[in-house]
Amino acid sequence: MNDDVQFLEFLIKALVEHPDSVKIKRTVDEMGVLMTLDVHPDDMGKVIGRSGNTAKAIRILLRVVGMKNNARVNLKINEPAGGQRIMPPREESSVPRASKTLDEAFADLNLE
């Protein structure tokens, strides 16, 4: 097994609730190495992360592993069959209103 596959497998299995469902396929072409990841549908949120930040971090780490081996490594995360993207409802005003002024908030801290 290649270093990049071992690394990705270790990383993903540490994140998910269903490590037995983790499947990684590695292909090499003229563009570099493509690693395709399949996980249990319940684990997609953990792998993707809030705003995709976990997936971005995993991709960065894979690129570092690839640089060590002089290869460009990319990650594709397969969406599970029947998977639905759940988006939070958008509110008219997404900016929260301040309940106190800045002076009132500092007074509450009792920094004297």
PDB file of N, CA and C in Angstrom:
ATOM      1  N   MET A   1       0.847  -1.179   0.000  1.00  0.00           N
ATOM      2  CA  MET A   1       0.000   0.000   0.000  1.00  0.00           C
ATOM      3  C   MET A   1       0.889   1.238   0.000  1.00  0.00           C
ATOM      4  N   ASN A   2       0.518   2.224  -0.772  1.00  0.00           N
ATOM      5  CA  ASN A   2       1.308   3.455  -0.885  1.00  0.00           C
ATOM      6  C   ASN A   2       1.191   4.305   0.381  1.00  0.00           C
ATOM      7  N   ASP A   3       2.214   5.149   0.586  1.00  0.00           N
ATOM      8  CA  ASP A   3       2.225   6.030   1.756  1.00  0.00           C
ATOM      9  C   ASP A   3       0.997   6.932   1.796  1.00  0.00           C
ATOM     10  N   ASP A   4       0.617   7.485   0.633  1.00  0.00           N
ATOM     11  CA  ASP A   4      -0.510   8.408   0.617  1.00  0.00           C
ATOM     12  C   ASP A   4      -1.823   7.710   0.964  1.00  0.00           C
ATOM     13  N   VAL A   5      -1.994   6.478   0.505  1.00  0.00           N
ATOM     14  CA  VAL A   5      -3.211   5.723   0.824  1.00  0.00           C
ATOM     15  C   VAL A   5      -3.237   5.394   2.314  1.00  0.00           C
ATOM     16  N   GLN A   6      -2.111   4.953   2.849  1.00  0.00           N
ATOM     17  CA  GLN A   6      -2.035   4.634   4.276  1.00  0.00           C
ATOM     18  C   GLN A   6      -2.335   5.865   5.121  1.00  0.00           C
ATOM     19  N   PHE A   7      -1.763   6.990   4.726  1.00  0.00           N
ATOM     20  CA  PHE A   7      -1.977   8.233   5.458  1.00  0.00           C
ATOM     21  C   PHE A   7      -3.448   8.626   5.444  1.00  0.00           C
ATOM     22  N   LEU A   8      -4.066   8.626   4.253  1.00  0.00           N
ATOM     23  CA  LEU A   8      -5.468   9.020   4.138  1.00  0.00           C
ATOM     24  C   LEU A   8      -6.358   8.066   4.920  1.00  0.00           C
ATOM     25  N   GLU A   9      -6.082   6.780   4.817  1.00  0.00           N
ATOM     26  CA  GLU A   9      -6.887   5.792   5.529  1.00  0.00           C
ATOM     27  C   GLU A   9      -6.801   6.017   7.046  1.00  0.00           C
ATOM     28  N   PHE A  10      -5.601   6.230   7.553  1.00  0.00           N
ATOM     29  CA  PHE A  10      -5.404   6.492   8.981  1.00  0.00           C
ATOM     30  C   PHE A  10      -6.170   7.736   9.413  1.00  0.00           C
ATOM     31  N   LEU A  11      -6.056   8.798   8.627  1.00  0.00           N
ATOM     32  CA  LEU A  11      -6.681  10.075   8.947  1.00  0.00           C
ATOM     33  C   LEU A  11      -8.206   9.970   8.963  1.00  0.00           C
ATOM     34  N   ILE A  12      -8.767   9.395   7.916  1.00  0.00           N
ATOM     35  CA  ILE A  12     -10.223   9.322   7.792  1.00  0.00           C
ATOM     36  C   ILE A  12     -10.809   8.383   8.840  1.00  0.00           C
ATOM     37  N   LYS A  13     -10.176   7.234   9.047  1.00  0.00           N
ATOM     38  CA  LYS A  13     -10.698   6.288  10.040  1.00  0.00           C
ATOM     39  C   LYS A  13     -10.675   6.870  11.447  1.00  0.00           C
ATOM     40  N   ALA A  14      -9.760   7.796  11.710  1.00  0.00           N
ATOM     41  CA  ALA A  14      -9.724   8.455  13.012  1.00  0.00           C
ATOM     42  C   ALA A  14     -10.869   9.460  13.160  1.00  0.00           C
ATOM     43  N   LEU A  15     -11.397   9.963  12.048  1.00  0.00           N
ATOM     44  CA  LEU A  15     -12.461  10.967  12.087  1.00  0.00           C
ATOM     45  C   LEU A  15     -13.866  10.386  12.168  1.00  0.00           C
ATOM     46  N   VAL A  16     -14.089   9.236  11.542  1.00  0.00           N
ATOM     47  CA  VAL A  16     -15.446   8.747  11.305  1.00  0.00           C
ATOM     48  C   VAL A  16     -15.937   7.782  12.393  1.00  0.00           C
ATOM     49  N   GLU A  17     -17.260   7.603  12.411  1.00  0.00           N
ATOM     50  CA  GLU A  17     -17.889   6.659  13.335  1.00  0.00           C
ATOM     51  C   GLU A  17     -17.935   5.244  12.753  1.00  0.00           C
ATOM     52  N   HIS A  18     -17.853   5.119  11.433  1.00  0.00           N
ATOM     53  CA  HIS A  18     -17.940   3.822  10.750  1.00  0.00           C
ATOM     54  C   HIS A  18     -16.652   3.574   9.957  1.00  0.00           C
ATOM     55  N   PRO A  19     -15.544   3.257  10.635  1.00  0.00           N
ATOM     56  CA  PRO A  19     -14.269   3.092   9.928  1.00  0.00           C
ATOM     57  C   PRO A  19     -14.257   1.924   8.943  1.00  0.00           C
ATOM     58  N   ASP A  20     -15.118   0.930   9.164  1.00  0.00           N
ATOM     59  CA  ASP A  20     -15.154  -0.210   8.237  1.00  0.00           C
ATOM     60  C   ASP A  20     -15.740   0.164   6.886  1.00  0.00           C
ATOM     61  N   SER A  21     -16.453   1.277   6.820  1.00  0.00           N
ATOM     62  CA  SER A  21     -17.066   1.719   5.562  1.00  0.00           C
ATOM     63  C   SER A  21     -16.141   2.589   4.717  1.00  0.00           C
ATOM     64  N   VAL A  22     -14.948   2.899   5.209  1.00  0.00           N
ATOM     65  CA  VAL A  22     -14.015   3.754   4.472  1.00  0.00           C
ATOM     66  C   VAL A  22     -13.387   2.965   3.329  1.00  0.00           C
ATOM     67  N   LYS A  23     -13.524   3.502   2.118  1.00  0.00           N
ATOM     68  CA  LYS A  23     -12.926   2.874   0.933  1.00  0.00           C
ATOM     69  C   LYS A  23     -12.155   3.942   0.166  1.00  0.00           C
ATOM     70  N   ILE A  24     -10.932   3.602  -0.211  1.00  0.00           N
ATOM     71  CA  ILE A  24     -10.074   4.532  -0.933  1.00  0.00           C
ATOM     72  C   ILE A  24      -9.611   3.869  -2.216  1.00  0.00           C
ATOM     73  N   LYS A  25      -9.795   4.578  -3.329  1.00  0.00           N
ATOM     74  CA  LYS A  25      -9.323   4.093  -4.626  1.00  0.00           C
ATOM     75  C   LYS A  25      -8.264   5.077  -5.110  1.00  0.00           C
ATOM     76  N   ARG A  26      -7.131   4.550  -5.542  1.00  0.00           N
ATOM     77  CA  ARG A  26      -6.017   5.391  -5.996  1.00  0.00           C
ATOM     78  C   ARG A  26      -5.772   5.144  -7.471  1.00  0.00           C
ATOM     79  N   THR A  27      -5.778   6.214  -8.266  1.00  0.00           N
ATOM     80  CA  THR A  27      -5.472   6.101  -9.693  1.00  0.00           C
ATOM     81  C   THR A  27      -4.393   7.128 -10.037  1.00  0.00           C
ATOM     82  N   VAL A  28      -3.576   6.772 -11.006  1.00  0.00           N
ATOM     83  CA  VAL A  28      -2.495   7.655 -11.443  1.00  0.00           C
ATOM     84  C   VAL A  28      -2.662   7.911 -12.937  1.00  0.00           C
ATOM     85  N   ASP A  29      -2.571   9.185 -13.333  1.00  0.00           N
ATOM     86  CA  ASP A  29      -2.592   9.534 -14.755  1.00  0.00           C
ATOM     87  C   ASP A  29      -1.626  10.692 -14.982  1.00  0.00           C
ATOM     88  N   GLU A  30      -1.707  11.332 -16.140  1.00  0.00           N
ATOM     89  CA  GLU A  30      -0.774  12.397 -16.461  1.00  0.00           C
ATOM     90  C   GLU A  30      -0.953  13.633 -15.575  1.00  0.00           C
ATOM     91  N   MET A  31      -2.103  13.752 -14.927  1.00  0.00           N
ATOM     92  CA  MET A  31      -2.369  14.881 -14.038  1.00  0.00           C
ATOM     93  C   MET A  31      -1.821  14.643 -12.626  1.00  0.00           C
ATOM     94  N   GLY A  32      -1.488  13.415 -12.309  1.00  0.00           N
ATOM     95  CA  GLY A  32      -0.981  13.089 -10.984  1.00  0.00           C
ATOM     96  C   GLY A  32      -1.761  11.944 -10.369  1.00  0.00           C
ATOM     97  N   VAL A  33      -1.867  11.976  -9.062  1.00  0.00           N
ATOM     98  CA  VAL A  33      -2.553  10.920  -8.314  1.00  0.00           C
ATOM     99  C   VAL A  33      -3.934  11.430  -7.920  1.00  0.00           C
ATOM    100  N   LEU A  34      -4.951  10.614  -8.184  1.00  0.00           N
ATOM    101  CA  LEU A  34      -6.310  10.931  -7.757  1.00  0.00           C
ATOM    102  C   LEU A  34      -6.731   9.880  -6.748  1.00  0.00           C
ATOM    103  N   MET A  35      -7.078  10.342  -5.563  1.00  0.00           N
ATOM    104  CA  MET A  35      -7.567   9.441  -4.532  1.00  0.00           C
ATOM    105  C   MET A  35      -9.055   9.704  -4.382  1.00  0.00           C
ATOM    106  N   THR A  36      -9.845   8.646  -4.525  1.00  0.00           N
ATOM    107  CA  THR A  36     -11.292   8.746  -4.428  1.00  0.00           C
ATOM    108  C   THR A  36     -11.724   8.109  -3.113  1.00  0.00           C
ATOM    109  N   LEU A  37     -12.472   8.863  -2.324  1.00  0.00           N
ATOM    110  CA  LEU A  37     -12.852   8.433  -0.981  1.00  0.00           C
ATOM    111  C   LEU A  37     -14.347   8.180  -0.904  1.00  0.00           C
ATOM    112  N   ASP A  38     -14.700   7.032  -0.348  1.00  0.00           N
ATOM    113  CA  ASP A  38     -16.094   6.699  -0.051  1.00  0.00           C
ATOM    114  C   ASP A  38     -16.203   6.455   1.446  1.00  0.00           C
ATOM    115  N   VAL A  39     -17.204   7.069   2.081  1.00  0.00           N
ATOM    116  CA  VAL A  39     -17.441   6.866   3.510  1.00  0.00           C
ATOM    117  C   VAL A  39     -18.928   6.604   3.730  1.00  0.00           C
ATOM    118  N   HIS A  40     -19.263   6.150   4.918  1.00  0.00           N
ATOM    119  CA  HIS A  40     -20.647   5.918   5.304  1.00  0.00           C
ATOM    120  C   HIS A  40     -21.406   7.249   5.225  1.00  0.00           C
ATOM    121  N   PRO A  41     -22.658   7.247   4.768  1.00  0.00           N
ATOM    122  CA  PRO A  41     -23.408   8.513   4.651  1.00  0.00           C
ATOM    123  C   PRO A  41     -23.468   9.319   5.944  1.00  0.00           C
ATOM    124  N   ASP A  42     -23.528   8.643   7.084  1.00  0.00           N
ATOM    125  CA  ASP A  42     -23.585   9.355   8.367  1.00  0.00           C
ATOM    126  C   ASP A  42     -22.285  10.088   8.686  1.00  0.00           C
ATOM    127  N   ASP A  43     -21.197   9.706   8.041  1.00  0.00           N
ATOM    128  CA  ASP A  43     -19.886  10.288   8.321  1.00  0.00           C
ATOM    129  C   ASP A  43     -19.494  11.421   7.377  1.00  0.00           C
ATOM    130  N   MET A  44     -20.325  11.710   6.393  1.00  0.00           N
ATOM    131  CA  MET A  44     -19.970  12.748   5.416  1.00  0.00           C
ATOM    132  C   MET A  44     -19.715  14.098   6.079  1.00  0.00           C
ATOM    133  N   GLY A  45     -20.533  14.464   7.043  1.00  0.00           N
ATOM    134  CA  GLY A  45     -20.372  15.743   7.711  1.00  0.00           C
ATOM    135  C   GLY A  45     -19.032  15.864   8.422  1.00  0.00           C
ATOM    136  N   LYS A  46     -18.569  14.768   8.999  1.00  0.00           N
ATOM    137  CA  LYS A  46     -17.286  14.790   9.707  1.00  0.00           C
ATOM    138  C   LYS A  46     -16.129  14.932   8.733  1.00  0.00           C
ATOM    139  N   VAL A  47     -16.251  14.325   7.562  1.00  0.00           N
ATOM    140  CA  VAL A  47     -15.175  14.374   6.577  1.00  0.00           C
ATOM    141  C   VAL A  47     -15.147  15.728   5.868  1.00  0.00           C
ATOM    142  N   ILE A  48     -16.311  16.268   5.581  1.00  0.00           N
ATOM    143  CA  ILE A  48     -16.390  17.558   4.892  1.00  0.00           C
ATOM    144  C   ILE A  48     -16.103  18.707   5.862  1.00  0.00           C
ATOM    145  N   GLY A  49     -16.725  18.674   7.029  1.00  0.00           N
ATOM    146  CA  GLY A  49     -16.520  19.721   8.025  1.00  0.00           C
ATOM    147  C   GLY A  49     -17.347  20.958   7.736  1.00  0.00           C
ATOM    148  N   ARG A  50     -17.352  21.857   8.696  1.00  0.00           N
ATOM    149  CA  ARG A  50     -18.107  23.095   8.541  1.00  0.00           C
ATOM    150  C   ARG A  50     -17.498  23.941   7.428  1.00  0.00           C
ATOM    151  N   SER A  51     -18.318  24.317   6.481  1.00  0.00           N
ATOM    152  CA  SER A  51     -17.902  25.098   5.303  1.00  0.00           C
ATOM    153  C   SER A  51     -16.803  24.401   4.498  1.00  0.00           C
ATOM    154  N   GLY A  52     -16.700  23.079   4.640  1.00  0.00           N
ATOM    155  CA  GLY A  52     -15.706  22.329   3.877  1.00  0.00           C
ATOM    156  C   GLY A  52     -14.293  22.447   4.422  1.00  0.00           C
ATOM    157  N   ASN A  53     -14.143  22.983   5.617  1.00  0.00           N
ATOM    158  CA  ASN A  53     -12.804  23.229   6.155  1.00  0.00           C
ATOM    159  C   ASN A  53     -12.021  21.951   6.433  1.00  0.00           C
ATOM    160  N   THR A  54     -12.691  20.909   6.901  1.00  0.00           N
ATOM    161  CA  THR A  54     -11.980  19.650   7.170  1.00  0.00           C
ATOM    162  C   THR A  54     -11.491  19.044   5.860  1.00  0.00           C
ATOM    163  N   ALA A  55     -12.344  19.038   4.836  1.00  0.00           N
ATOM    164  CA  ALA A  55     -11.944  18.504   3.532  1.00  0.00           C
ATOM    165  C   ALA A  55     -10.772  19.295   2.953  1.00  0.00           C
ATOM    166  N   LYS A  56     -10.795  20.614   3.104  1.00  0.00           N
ATOM    167  CA  LYS A  56      -9.687  21.446   2.617  1.00  0.00           C
ATOM    168  C   LYS A  56      -8.388  21.092   3.328  1.00  0.00           C
ATOM    169  N   ALA A  57      -8.479  20.906   4.644  1.00  0.00           N
ATOM    170  CA  ALA A  57      -7.283  20.564   5.421  1.00  0.00           C
ATOM    171  C   ALA A  57      -6.730  19.203   5.012  1.00  0.00           C
ATOM    172  N   ILE A  58      -7.623  18.239   4.777  1.00  0.00           N
ATOM    173  CA  ILE A  58      -7.184  16.904   4.336  1.00  0.00           C
ATOM    174  C   ILE A  58      -6.491  17.007   2.988  1.00  0.00           C
ATOM    175  N   ARG A  59      -7.036  17.804   2.086  1.00  0.00           N
ATOM    176  CA  ARG A  59      -6.422  17.979   0.761  1.00  0.00           C
ATOM    177  C   ARG A  59      -5.040  18.607   0.872  1.00  0.00           C
ATOM    178  N   ILE A  60      -4.903  19.584   1.750  1.00  0.00           N
ATOM    179  CA  ILE A  60      -3.594  20.222   1.945  1.00  0.00           C
ATOM    180  C   ILE A  60      -2.582  19.202   2.464  1.00  0.00           C
ATOM    181  N   LEU A  61      -2.987  18.415   3.454  1.00  0.00           N
ATOM    182  CA  LEU A  61      -2.085  17.392   4.001  1.00  0.00           C
ATOM    183  C   LEU A  61      -1.694  16.374   2.938  1.00  0.00           C
ATOM    184  N   LEU A  62      -2.646  15.988   2.086  1.00  0.00           N
ATOM    185  CA  LEU A  62      -2.329  15.034   1.011  1.00  0.00           C
ATOM    186  C   LEU A  62      -1.350  15.633   0.007  1.00  0.00           C
ATOM    187  N   ARG A  63      -1.470  16.918  -0.258  1.00  0.00           N
ATOM    188  CA  ARG A  63      -0.514  17.564  -1.168  1.00  0.00           C
ATOM    189  C   ARG A  63       0.883  17.551  -0.576  1.00  0.00           C
ATOM    190  N   VAL A  64       0.980  17.739   0.752  1.00  0.00           N
ATOM    191  CA  VAL A  64       2.282  17.690   1.427  1.00  0.00           C
ATOM    192  C   VAL A  64       2.874  16.292   1.310  1.00  0.00           C
ATOM    193  N   VAL A  65       2.051  15.265   1.548  1.00  0.00           N
ATOM    194  CA  VAL A  65       2.518  13.878   1.404  1.00  0.00           C
ATOM    195  C   VAL A  65       2.954  13.636  -0.038  1.00  0.00           C
ATOM    196  N   GLY A  66       2.197  14.175  -0.997  1.00  0.00           N
ATOM    197  CA  GLY A  66       2.548  14.020  -2.402  1.00  0.00           C
ATOM    198  C   GLY A  66       3.858  14.697  -2.754  1.00  0.00           C
ATOM    199  N   MET A  67       4.108  15.872  -2.187  1.00  0.00           N
ATOM    200  CA  MET A  67       5.365  16.580  -2.462  1.00  0.00           C
ATOM    201  C   MET A  67       6.558  15.756  -1.998  1.00  0.00           C
ATOM    202  N   LYS A  68       6.385  15.074  -0.893  1.00  0.00           N
ATOM    203  CA  LYS A  68       7.454  14.215  -0.380  1.00  0.00           C
ATOM    204  C   LYS A  68       7.805  13.127  -1.403  1.00  0.00           C
ATOM    205  N   ASN A  69       6.794  12.689  -2.153  1.00  0.00           N
ATOM    206  CA  ASN A  69       6.982  11.637  -3.154  1.00  0.00           C
ATOM    207  C   ASN A  69       7.007  12.168  -4.584  1.00  0.00           C
ATOM    208  N   ASN A  70       7.187  13.490  -4.737  1.00  0.00           N
ATOM    209  CA  ASN A  70       7.227  14.129  -6.063  1.00  0.00           C
ATOM    210  C   ASN A  70       5.995  13.813  -6.904  1.00  0.00           C
ATOM    211  N   ALA A  71       4.828  13.893  -6.286  1.00  0.00           N
ATOM    212  CA  ALA A  71       3.581  13.620  -7.003  1.00  0.00           C
ATOM    213  C   ALA A  71       2.528  14.644  -6.599  1.00  0.00           C
ATOM    214  N   ARG A  72       1.672  14.984  -7.534  1.00  0.00           N
ATOM    215  CA  ARG A  72       0.534  15.865  -7.236  1.00  0.00           C
ATOM    216  C   ARG A  72      -0.632  14.971  -6.844  1.00  0.00           C
ATOM    217  N   VAL A  73      -1.107  15.132  -5.606  1.00  0.00           N
ATOM    218  CA  VAL A  73      -2.180  14.286  -5.082  1.00  0.00           C
ATOM    219  C   VAL A  73      -3.450  15.108  -4.944  1.00  0.00           C
ATOM    220  N   ASN A  74      -4.529  14.611  -5.516  1.00  0.00           N
ATOM    221  CA  ASN A  74      -5.839  15.246  -5.407  1.00  0.00           C
ATOM    222  C   ASN A  74      -6.797  14.278  -4.737  1.00  0.00           C
ATOM    223  N   LEU A  75      -7.796  14.827  -4.063  1.00  0.00           N
ATOM    224  CA  LEU A  75      -8.787  14.016  -3.358  1.00  0.00           C
ATOM    225  C   LEU A  75     -10.173  14.327  -3.879  1.00  0.00           C
ATOM    226  N   LYS A  76     -10.901  13.267  -4.208  1.00  0.00           N
ATOM    227  CA  LYS A  76     -12.305  13.388  -4.586  1.00  0.00           C
ATOM    228  C   LYS A  76     -13.102  12.635  -3.535  1.00  0.00           C
ATOM    229  N   ILE A  77     -14.071  13.305  -2.934  1.00  0.00           N
ATOM    230  CA  ILE A  77     -14.927  12.673  -1.939  1.00  0.00           C
ATOM    231  C   ILE A  77     -16.261  12.387  -2.612  1.00  0.00           C
ATOM    232  N   ASN A  78     -16.569  11.098  -2.756  1.00  0.00           N
ATOM    233  CA  ASN A  78     -17.817  10.708  -3.402  1.00  0.00           C
ATOM    234  C   ASN A  78     -18.999  10.947  -2.474  1.00  0.00           C
ATOM    235  N   GLU A  79     -20.041  11.554  -3.031  1.00  0.00           N
ATOM    236  CA  GLU A  79     -21.263  11.733  -2.266  1.00  0.00           C
ATOM    237  C   GLU A  79     -22.007  10.407  -2.246  1.00  0.00           C
ATOM    238  N   PRO A  80     -22.472   9.958  -1.076  1.00  0.00           N
ATOM    239  CA  PRO A  80     -23.141   8.660  -1.010  1.00  0.00           C
ATOM    240  C   PRO A  80     -24.431   8.649  -1.816  1.00  0.00           C
ATOM    241  N   ALA A  81     -24.804   7.466  -2.315  1.00  0.00           N
ATOM    242  CA  ALA A  81     -26.035   7.320  -3.080  1.00  0.00           C
ATOM    243  C   ALA A  81     -27.218   7.737  -2.220  1.00  0.00           C
ATOM    244  N   GLY A  82     -28.081   8.538  -2.784  1.00  0.00           N
ATOM    245  CA  GLY A  82     -29.249   8.998  -2.045  1.00  0.00           C
ATOM    246  C   GLY A  82     -28.935  10.074  -1.038  1.00  0.00           C
ATOM    247  N   GLY A  83     -27.716  10.573  -1.058  1.00  0.00           N
ATOM    248  CA  GLY A  83     -27.322  11.605  -0.107  1.00  0.00           C
ATOM    249  C   GLY A  83     -28.019  12.920  -0.421  1.00  0.00           C
ATOM    250  N   GLN A  84     -28.350  13.630   0.614  1.00  0.00           N
ATOM    251  CA  GLN A  84     -29.002  14.918   0.441  1.00  0.00           C
ATOM    252  C   GLN A  84     -28.172  15.981   1.113  1.00  0.00           C
ATOM    253  N   ARG A  85     -28.068  17.091   0.461  1.00  0.00           N
ATOM    254  CA  ARG A  85     -27.377  18.222   1.071  1.00  0.00           C
ATOM    255  C   ARG A  85     -28.403  19.009   1.857  1.00  0.00           C
ATOM    256  N   ILE A  86     -28.159  19.120   3.116  1.00  0.00           N
ATOM    257  CA  ILE A  86     -29.086  19.840   3.978  1.00  0.00           C
ATOM    258  C   ILE A  86     -28.512  21.225   4.217  1.00  0.00           C
ATOM    259  N   MET A  87     -29.211  22.199   3.708  1.00  0.00           N
ATOM    260  CA  MET A  87     -28.773  23.579   3.854  1.00  0.00           C
ATOM    261  C   MET A  87     -29.654  24.253   4.899  1.00  0.00           C
ATOM    262  N   PRO A  88     -29.071  25.008   5.801  1.00  0.00           N
ATOM    263  CA  PRO A  88     -29.898  25.710   6.780  1.00  0.00           C
ATOM    264  C   PRO A  88     -30.736  26.764   6.089  1.00  0.00           C
ATOM    265  N   PRO A  89     -31.940  27.001   6.594  1.00  0.00           N
ATOM    266  CA  PRO A  89     -32.779  28.025   5.958  1.00  0.00           C
ATOM    267  C   PRO A  89     -32.151  29.399   6.108  1.00  0.00           C
ATOM    268  N   ARG A  90     -32.272  30.185   5.067  1.00  0.00           N
ATOM    269  CA  ARG A  90     -31.719  31.538   5.096  1.00  0.00           C
ATOM    270  C   ARG A  90     -32.746  32.474   5.700  1.00  0.00           C
ATOM    271  N   GLU A  91     -32.284  33.295   6.576  1.00  0.00           N
ATOM    272  CA  GLU A  91     -33.165  34.278   7.197  1.00  0.00           C
ATOM    273  C   GLU A  91     -32.998  35.602   6.482  1.00  0.00           C
ATOM    274  N   GLU A  92     -33.995  36.436   6.628  1.00  0.00           N
ATOM    275  CA  GLU A  92     -33.940  37.751   5.999  1.00  0.00           C
ATOM    276  C   GLU A  92     -32.718  38.524   6.483  1.00  0.00           C
ATOM    277  N   SER A  93     -32.533  38.525   7.788  1.00  0.00           N
ATOM    278  CA  SER A  93     -31.398  39.233   8.357  1.00  0.00           C
ATOM    279  C   SER A  93     -30.491  38.214   9.018  1.00  0.00           C
ATOM    280  N   SER A  94     -29.392  37.895   8.371  1.00  0.00           N
ATOM    281  CA  SER A  94     -28.475  36.917   8.936  1.00  0.00           C
ATOM    282  C   SER A  94     -27.476  37.558   9.891  1.00  0.00           C
ATOM    283  N   VAL A  95     -27.506  38.885  10.006  1.00  0.00           N
ATOM    284  CA  VAL A  95     -26.603  39.585  10.909  1.00  0.00           C
ATOM    285  C   VAL A  95     -27.299  39.738  12.259  1.00  0.00           C
ATOM    286  N   PRO A  96     -26.717  39.164  13.321  1.00  0.00           N
ATOM    287  CA  PRO A  96     -27.370  39.283  14.619  1.00  0.00           C
ATOM    288  C   PRO A  96     -27.345  40.724  15.127  1.00  0.00           C
ATOM    289  N   ARG A  97     -28.386  41.080  15.804  1.00  0.00           N
ATOM    290  CA  ARG A  97     -28.482  42.417  16.384  1.00  0.00           C
ATOM    291  C   ARG A  97     -27.788  42.420  17.739  1.00  0.00           C
ATOM    292  N   ALA A  98     -27.066  43.490  18.021  1.00  0.00           N
ATOM    293  CA  ALA A  98     -26.406  43.617  19.318  1.00  0.00           C
ATOM    294  C   ALA A  98     -27.460  43.920  20.375  1.00  0.00           C
ATOM    295  N   SER A  99     -27.409  43.168  21.478  1.00  0.00           N
ATOM    296  CA  SER A  99     -28.383  43.418  22.544  1.00  0.00           C
ATOM    297  C   SER A  99     -27.886  44.490  23.501  1.00  0.00           C
ATOM    298  N   LYS A 100     -26.583  44.746  23.496  1.00  0.00           N
ATOM    299  CA  LYS A 100     -26.003  45.758  24.369  1.00  0.00           C
ATOM    300  C   LYS A 100     -25.025  46.599  23.568  1.00  0.00           C
ATOM    301  N   THR A 101     -24.779  47.795  24.067  1.00  0.00           N
ATOM    302  CA  THR A 101     -23.747  48.612  23.451  1.00  0.00           C
ATOM    303  C   THR A 101     -22.395  48.109  23.946  1.00  0.00           C
ATOM    304  N   LEU A 102     -21.357  48.533  23.316  1.00  0.00           N
ATOM    305  CA  LEU A 102     -20.014  48.136  23.719  1.00  0.00           C
ATOM    306  C   LEU A 102     -19.705  48.611  25.137  1.00  0.00           C
ATOM    307  N   ASP A 103     -20.137  49.821  25.469  1.00  0.00           N
ATOM    308  CA  ASP A 103     -19.907  50.351  26.819  1.00  0.00           C
ATOM    309  C   ASP A 103     -20.636  49.509  27.868  1.00  0.00           C
ATOM    310  N   GLU A 104     -21.862  49.089  27.564  1.00  0.00           N
ATOM    311  CA  GLU A 104     -22.622  48.255  28.503  1.00  0.00           C
ATOM    312  C   GLU A 104     -21.948  46.896  28.694  1.00  0.00           C
ATOM    313  N   ALA A 105     -21.434  46.321  27.612  1.00  0.00           N
ATOM    314  CA  ALA A 105     -20.758  45.021  27.698  1.00  0.00           C
ATOM    315  C   ALA A 105     -19.495  45.127  28.545  1.00  0.00           C
ATOM    316  N   PHE A 106     -18.717  46.204  28.368  1.00  0.00           N
ATOM    317  CA  PHE A 106     -17.513  46.398  29.190  1.00  0.00           C
ATOM    318  C   PHE A 106     -17.880  46.623  30.652  1.00  0.00           C
ATOM    319  N   ALA A 107     -18.957  47.340  30.910  1.00  0.00           N
ATOM    320  CA  ALA A 107     -19.391  47.567  32.299  1.00  0.00           C
ATOM    321  C   ALA A 107     -19.750  46.242  32.960  1.00  0.00           C
ATOM    322  N   ASP A 108     -20.330  45.318  32.209  1.00  0.00           N
ATOM    323  CA  ASP A 108     -20.688  44.008  32.752  1.00  0.00           C
ATOM    324  C   ASP A 108     -19.465  43.186  33.146  1.00  0.00           C
ATOM    325  N   LEU A 109     -18.317  43.458  32.546  1.00  0.00           N
ATOM    326  CA  LEU A 109     -17.112  42.681  32.845  1.00  0.00           C
ATOM    327  C   LEU A 109     -16.507  43.032  34.202  1.00  0.00           C
ATOM    328  N   ASN A 110     -16.870  44.172  34.781  1.00  0.00           N
ATOM    329  CA  ASN A 110     -16.356  44.598  36.090  1.00  0.00           C
ATOM    330  C   ASN A 110     -14.837  44.540  36.144  1.00  0.00           C
ATOM    331  N   LEU A 111     -14.181  45.245  35.256  1.00  0.00           N
ATOM    332  CA  LEU A 111     -12.731  45.214  35.178  1.00  0.00           C
ATOM    333  C   LEU A 111     -12.055  46.223  36.099  1.00  0.00           C
ATOM    334  N   GLU A 112     -12.776  46.875  36.950  1.00  0.00           N
ATOM    335  CA  GLU A 112     -12.209  47.924  37.805  1.00  0.00           C
ATOM    336  C   GLU A 112     -11.411  47.382  38.939  1.00  0.00           C
TER     337      GLU A 112
END
